[in-house]
Protein backbone atom coordinates (compact mmCIF):
# COMPACT_ATOMS: atom_id res chain seq x y z
CA MET A 1 32.20 8.93 3.97
CA GLU A 2 30.50 11.10 6.56
CA THR A 3 28.05 13.67 5.27
CA ASP A 4 25.99 16.58 6.61
CA ASP A 5 22.96 15.71 4.50
CA VAL A 6 20.66 17.93 6.52
CA PRO A 7 18.74 20.92 5.15
CA ASP A 8 20.62 24.22 5.57
CA GLY A 9 19.71 26.09 8.74
CA ALA A 10 18.50 22.96 10.58
CA PRO A 11 18.92 23.59 14.34
CA THR A 12 21.37 20.71 15.08
CA ALA A 13 21.17 21.07 18.88
CA ASP A 14 17.44 21.25 18.90
CA THR A 15 17.13 18.32 16.48
CA ALA A 16 19.40 16.25 18.79
CA ALA A 17 17.11 17.13 21.76
CA ARG A 18 14.05 15.96 19.75
CA VAL A 19 15.76 12.74 18.84
CA ARG A 20 16.48 12.17 22.54
CA GLU A 21 12.78 12.55 23.24
CA VAL A 22 12.04 9.93 20.60
CA ILE A 23 14.58 7.54 22.15
CA ALA A 24 13.13 8.16 25.61
CA ALA A 25 9.61 7.55 24.35
CA ALA A 26 10.78 4.21 22.85
CA GLY A 27 11.77 3.09 26.32
CA VAL A 28 15.00 1.38 25.17
CA SER A 29 18.70 2.03 25.61
CA GLN A 30 20.51 4.34 23.18
CA ARG A 31 22.43 1.33 21.81
CA GLU A 32 19.29 -0.67 21.26
CA PHE A 33 17.66 2.32 19.51
CA ALA A 34 20.70 2.55 17.27
CA ARG A 35 20.29 -1.14 16.39
CA ARG A 36 16.61 -0.53 15.51
CA VAL A 37 17.40 2.26 13.14
CA VAL A 38 20.46 0.41 11.80
CA MET A 39 22.90 3.15 12.85
CA ASP A 40 26.46 3.04 14.24
CA PRO A 41 26.01 3.58 18.01
CA SER A 42 29.05 5.86 18.00
CA LYS A 43 27.54 8.02 15.28
CA LEU A 44 24.27 8.30 17.17
CA SER A 45 26.18 9.25 20.32
CA ARG A 46 28.18 11.95 18.47
CA SER A 47 25.10 13.31 16.74
CA LEU A 48 23.28 13.59 20.06
CA SER A 49 26.23 15.35 21.69
CA GLY A 50 26.43 17.85 18.78
CA THR A 51 29.84 16.83 17.43
CA ARG A 52 28.30 15.34 14.32
CA ARG A 53 25.15 16.16 12.28
CA PHE A 54 22.45 13.64 11.52
CA THR A 55 22.02 12.81 7.87
CA ALA A 56 18.61 13.10 6.25
CA ALA A 57 18.38 9.30 5.87
CA GLU A 58 19.18 8.73 9.51
CA LEU A 59 16.49 11.23 10.56
CA ALA A 60 14.06 9.38 8.26
CA ARG A 61 14.80 6.12 9.91
CA ILE A 62 14.57 7.67 13.43
CA ALA A 63 11.23 9.26 12.53
CA ASP A 64 9.98 5.90 11.12
CA GLU A 65 10.93 4.14 14.36
CA GLY A 66 9.41 6.85 16.51
CA ARG A 67 6.37 7.17 14.32
CA VAL A 68 6.75 10.87 14.00
CA ASP A 69 7.17 13.18 11.05
CA VAL A 70 10.75 14.10 10.03
CA GLY A 71 9.67 17.73 10.08
CA ARG A 72 8.98 17.45 13.79
CA LEU A 73 12.62 16.39 14.35
CA LEU A 74 13.78 19.41 12.34
CA GLY A 75 11.62 21.85 14.34
CA ALA A 76 8.36 21.91 12.33
CA ARG A 77 5.04 22.00 14.09
CA PRO A 78 4.53 18.65 15.85
CA ARG A 79 2.13 16.35 14.12
CA GLU A 80 1.68 12.60 13.71
CA LYS A 81 3.56 11.07 10.86
CA ALA A 82 1.39 10.92 7.74
CA THR A 83 2.46 7.50 6.81
CA ALA A 84 3.03 5.09 9.73
CA PRO A 85 5.38 2.11 9.32
CA ALA A 86 3.98 -0.59 7.08
CA VAL A 87 1.32 -2.73 8.81
CA GLY A 88 2.61 -6.15 9.51
CA VAL A 89 6.29 -5.15 9.05
CA GLU A 90 8.22 -6.33 11.97
CA GLY A 91 10.53 -3.60 13.30
CA GLY A 92 9.24 -1.03 10.80
CA ARG A 93 10.22 -0.29 7.22
CA PRO A 94 13.99 0.32 7.68
CA LEU A 95 14.62 -3.04 9.31
CA GLN A 96 12.45 -4.72 6.64
CA ILE A 97 14.59 -3.17 3.94
CA VAL A 98 17.74 -4.31 5.62
CA ARG A 99 16.53 -7.88 6.23
CA GLU A 100 15.44 -8.19 2.58
CA THR A 101 18.78 -6.71 1.48
CA VAL A 102 20.66 -9.37 3.48
CA ARG A 103 18.46 -12.13 1.96
CA LEU A 104 19.07 -10.90 -1.59
CA ILE A 105 22.79 -10.34 -1.08
CA ALA A 106 23.12 -13.95 0.26
CA GLU A 107 21.21 -15.31 -2.75
CA HIS A 108 22.64 -13.19 -5.55
CA GLY A 109 25.60 -11.16 -4.33
CA PHE A 110 25.67 -7.55 -3.49
CA HIS A 111 26.55 -6.18 -6.95
CA ALA A 112 23.76 -8.25 -8.60
CA VAL A 113 21.07 -6.79 -6.30
CA ARG A 114 19.29 -3.71 -7.61
CA VAL A 115 17.31 -1.26 -5.54
CA ALA A 116 14.32 -2.17 -7.55
CA ASP A 117 14.75 -5.84 -6.44
CA ILE A 118 14.82 -4.75 -2.79
CA ALA A 119 11.75 -2.54 -3.34
CA ARG A 120 9.88 -5.42 -4.92
CA ALA A 121 10.77 -7.70 -2.03
CA CYS A 122 9.49 -5.08 0.44
CA ALA A 123 6.32 -4.35 -1.62
CA THR A 124 7.24 -0.72 -1.79
CA SER A 125 8.94 1.76 -4.27
CA SER A 126 12.54 2.42 -5.08
CA ALA A 127 11.94 5.98 -3.84
CA ALA A 128 10.97 4.61 -0.42
CA ILE A 129 14.23 2.62 -0.34
CA HIS A 130 16.28 5.71 -1.20
CA TYR A 131 14.40 7.71 1.43
CA HIS A 132 15.84 5.47 4.17
CA PHE A 133 19.13 4.48 2.55
CA PRO A 134 20.30 6.95 -0.24
CA GLY A 135 22.87 4.72 -1.88
CA ARG A 136 24.02 1.14 -2.38
CA ALA A 137 27.01 1.64 -0.13
CA GLU A 138 24.80 2.78 2.74
CA LEU A 139 22.59 -0.29 2.18
CA LEU A 140 25.55 -2.65 2.26
CA GLU A 141 26.90 -0.95 5.42
CA ALA A 142 23.44 -1.28 7.07
CA ALA A 143 23.11 -4.90 6.02
CA VAL A 144 26.54 -5.71 7.45
CA ARG A 145 25.79 -3.84 10.69
CA TRP A 146 22.51 -5.71 11.07
CA CYS A 147 24.31 -9.06 10.61
CA MET A 148 26.86 -7.97 13.20
CA ASP A 149 24.18 -7.03 15.70
CA GLU A 150 22.28 -10.37 15.16
CA ASP A 151 25.49 -12.33 15.52
CA THR A 152 26.52 -10.45 18.70
CA ALA A 153 23.10 -10.99 20.29
CA ARG A 154 23.16 -14.79 19.55
CA ARG A 155 26.69 -14.98 20.80
CA ALA A 156 25.79 -13.31 24.15
CA ALA A 157 22.76 -15.55 24.57
CA LEU A 158 24.76 -18.70 23.96
CA ILE A 159 27.53 -17.75 26.31
CA ALA A 160 25.04 -16.91 29.02
CA GLU A 161 23.68 -20.48 28.84
CA ALA A 162 27.05 -22.19 29.15
CA ASP A 163 28.30 -23.70 32.42
CA ASP A 164 32.02 -22.99 32.01
CA ALA A 165 34.50 -21.66 29.51
CA ALA A 166 34.88 -24.90 27.70
CA ALA A 167 31.11 -25.00 27.07
CA GLU A 168 31.27 -21.37 25.93
CA LEU A 169 33.87 -22.13 23.38
CA ARG A 170 31.96 -25.06 22.06
CA GLN A 171 28.90 -22.84 21.70
CA LEU A 172 30.94 -20.20 19.73
CA VAL A 173 32.25 -22.91 17.43
CA ALA A 174 28.73 -24.16 16.79
CA LEU A 175 27.48 -20.57 16.14
CA GLN A 176 30.14 -20.10 13.42
CA THR A 177 29.43 -23.41 11.68
CA PRO A 178 27.06 -22.68 8.69
CA ARG A 179 24.50 -25.40 9.19
CA THR A 180 21.14 -23.48 9.18
CA ALA A 181 19.77 -21.45 6.33
CA GLN A 182 20.22 -18.27 8.44
CA GLN A 183 23.86 -19.09 9.22
CA ARG A 184 24.55 -19.71 5.50
CA ARG A 185 22.89 -16.43 4.55
CA GLN A 186 25.02 -14.50 7.02
CA TRP A 187 28.22 -16.25 5.88
CA ALA A 188 27.29 -15.41 2.27
CA VAL A 189 27.03 -11.78 3.23
CA TRP A 190 30.47 -11.98 4.93
CA LEU A 191 31.94 -13.25 1.70
CA ASP A 192 30.76 -10.10 -0.07
CA LEU A 193 31.95 -8.07 2.90
CA TRP A 194 35.53 -9.36 2.58
CA ALA A 195 35.66 -8.26 -1.02
CA GLU A 196 34.01 -4.95 -0.48
CA ALA A 197 36.18 -4.14 2.58
CA ALA A 198 39.16 -3.81 0.26
CA ARG A 199 37.38 -1.10 -1.72
CA SER A 200 35.22 0.71 0.83
CA THR A 201 36.56 2.61 3.84
CA ALA A 202 33.23 2.40 5.67
CA VAL A 203 32.73 -1.27 5.14
CA GLY A 204 36.46 -1.86 5.92
CA ARG A 205 36.01 -0.25 9.32
CA LEU A 206 32.92 -2.40 9.98
CA HIS A 207 34.96 -5.47 8.89
CA SER A 208 37.80 -4.60 11.30
CA GLU A 209 35.41 -3.79 14.19
CA TYR A 210 33.52 -7.05 13.79
CA TYR A 211 36.66 -9.13 13.81
CA ARG A 212 38.05 -7.18 16.74
CA GLN A 213 34.89 -7.86 18.75
CA TRP A 214 34.86 -11.58 17.82
CA ARG A 215 38.57 -12.16 18.62
CA GLU A 216 38.15 -10.35 21.90
CA THR A 217 35.15 -12.56 22.78
CA VAL A 218 37.15 -15.66 22.13
CA ALA A 219 40.15 -14.31 23.94
CA ASP A 220 38.04 -13.48 26.98
CA VAL A 221 36.65 -17.03 27.01
CA VAL A 222 40.15 -18.51 26.80
CA ARG A 223 41.25 -16.32 29.70
CA ARG A 224 38.40 -17.51 31.80
CA GLY A 225 39.06 -21.10 30.79
CA VAL A 226 42.72 -20.91 31.82
CA ALA A 227 41.71 -19.40 35.19
CA GLN A 228 39.11 -22.14 35.68
CA GLY A 229 41.63 -24.82 34.82
CA VAL A 230 39.64 -26.22 31.92
CA PHE A 231 42.13 -24.80 29.37
CA ARG A 232 45.85 -25.38 29.13
CA ALA A 233 47.96 -23.21 31.46
CA GLY A 234 50.00 -20.69 29.57
CA THR A 235 47.64 -20.55 26.54
CA ASP A 236 47.93 -17.20 24.81
CA PRO A 237 44.39 -15.91 24.57
CA GLN A 238 45.02 -13.49 21.61
CA ALA A 239 47.01 -16.08 19.61
CA ALA A 240 44.35 -18.77 20.26
CA ALA A 241 41.62 -16.38 19.10
CA LEU A 242 43.52 -15.46 15.95
CA THR A 243 44.22 -19.09 15.04
CA LEU A 244 40.67 -20.24 15.69
CA THR A 245 39.23 -17.38 13.63
CA ALA A 246 41.50 -18.19 10.67
CA LEU A 247 40.42 -21.85 10.84
CA ILE A 248 36.72 -20.90 11.02
CA ASP A 249 36.97 -18.52 8.03
CA GLY A 250 38.83 -20.97 5.88
CA LEU A 251 36.60 -23.95 6.67
CA ALA A 252 33.36 -21.97 6.32
CA THR A 253 34.37 -20.79 2.88
CA HIS A 254 34.72 -24.46 1.81
CA VAL A 255 31.26 -25.30 3.32
CA LEU A 256 29.59 -22.47 1.36
CA SER A 257 31.17 -23.67 -1.91
CA VAL A 258 28.96 -26.82 -1.86
CA SER A 259 25.21 -27.34 -1.60
CA GLY A 260 22.61 -29.98 -0.74
CA PRO A 261 23.71 -33.02 1.27
CA SER A 262 27.34 -32.21 0.46
CA ALA A 263 26.96 -28.95 2.47
CA ASP A 264 25.64 -30.84 5.45
CA ARG A 265 28.59 -33.25 5.33
CA ALA A 266 31.01 -30.35 4.84
CA ALA A 267 29.47 -28.58 7.93
CA ASP A 268 29.88 -31.74 9.97
CA ALA A 269 33.47 -32.06 8.87
CA MET A 270 34.15 -28.41 9.69
CA HIS A 271 32.63 -28.84 13.16
CA MET A 272 34.78 -31.98 13.76
CA ALA A 273 37.90 -30.23 12.64
CA LEU A 274 37.30 -27.23 14.89
CA THR A 275 36.42 -29.43 17.87
CA ALA A 276 39.61 -31.45 17.33
CA HIS A 277 41.66 -28.24 17.16
CA VAL A 278 40.15 -26.99 20.42
CA THR A 279 40.63 -30.41 22.12
CA HIS A 280 44.23 -30.80 21.10
CA THR A 281 45.52 -27.21 21.50
CA ILE A 282 43.29 -25.40 24.05
CA LEU A 283 41.50 -27.83 26.38
CA ALA A 284 43.49 -28.94 29.40
CA PRO A 285 44.48 -32.68 29.15
CA ARG A 286 42.28 -34.98 31.09
CA PRO A 287 44.09 -36.40 34.27
């Protein structure tokens, strides 16, 4: 649910201008800044254009990233932030909170994780957690968005390294196979996301957006592959993306249900099954 959790009388237009100054000083794109403060890029854009108000928590994260006082963003006399981001915390306190939240959700499940657990993992107080993320729902949304951003970045890097569409599709399949500890953590968070998406409108929107992006990525690869002649002529890109996504989700759920050496064997079996599917239904037959 969208809120206007900003003190009454806060000059929204001036606040937006000050946030723009912070983004400019950071020397990164608006989208990258949104990633750093774990904020929906479209919400940041609307807040900067004046069609939406920044929440207090969003301003806290922006101030943390820009190393300025929140009061400065709201029009108070400019001064250096009294408490700079924690020393040794990569990316600042908000990203540390989100990364630890992802780890704890993967290990214990979202509803078993308390704010006190996250605070303990970050060596800070529960009040500091609430300062950046007021509620559990916002924490889950931020954790999911961070996972989405990480997945999107890895996906883009892998595709950039591929020689053709067939290699791109193989890279995407490997990316979605939960072999490493990081891949298993992200898949564990997705499992919680599926359940929460049925209850939360905000998380449901994230769920839909992530799968839309993923399917479009696969569909684009299939289109290129057909044009390059490495995929079967007449292959429907959207149908191929939908089928491959369903196979990945179902097989990954099985892999996550086992542990130890069995998990490694299950991951191998998953990769073999996906490779066989791609070979027999998408790749062009060898002459």
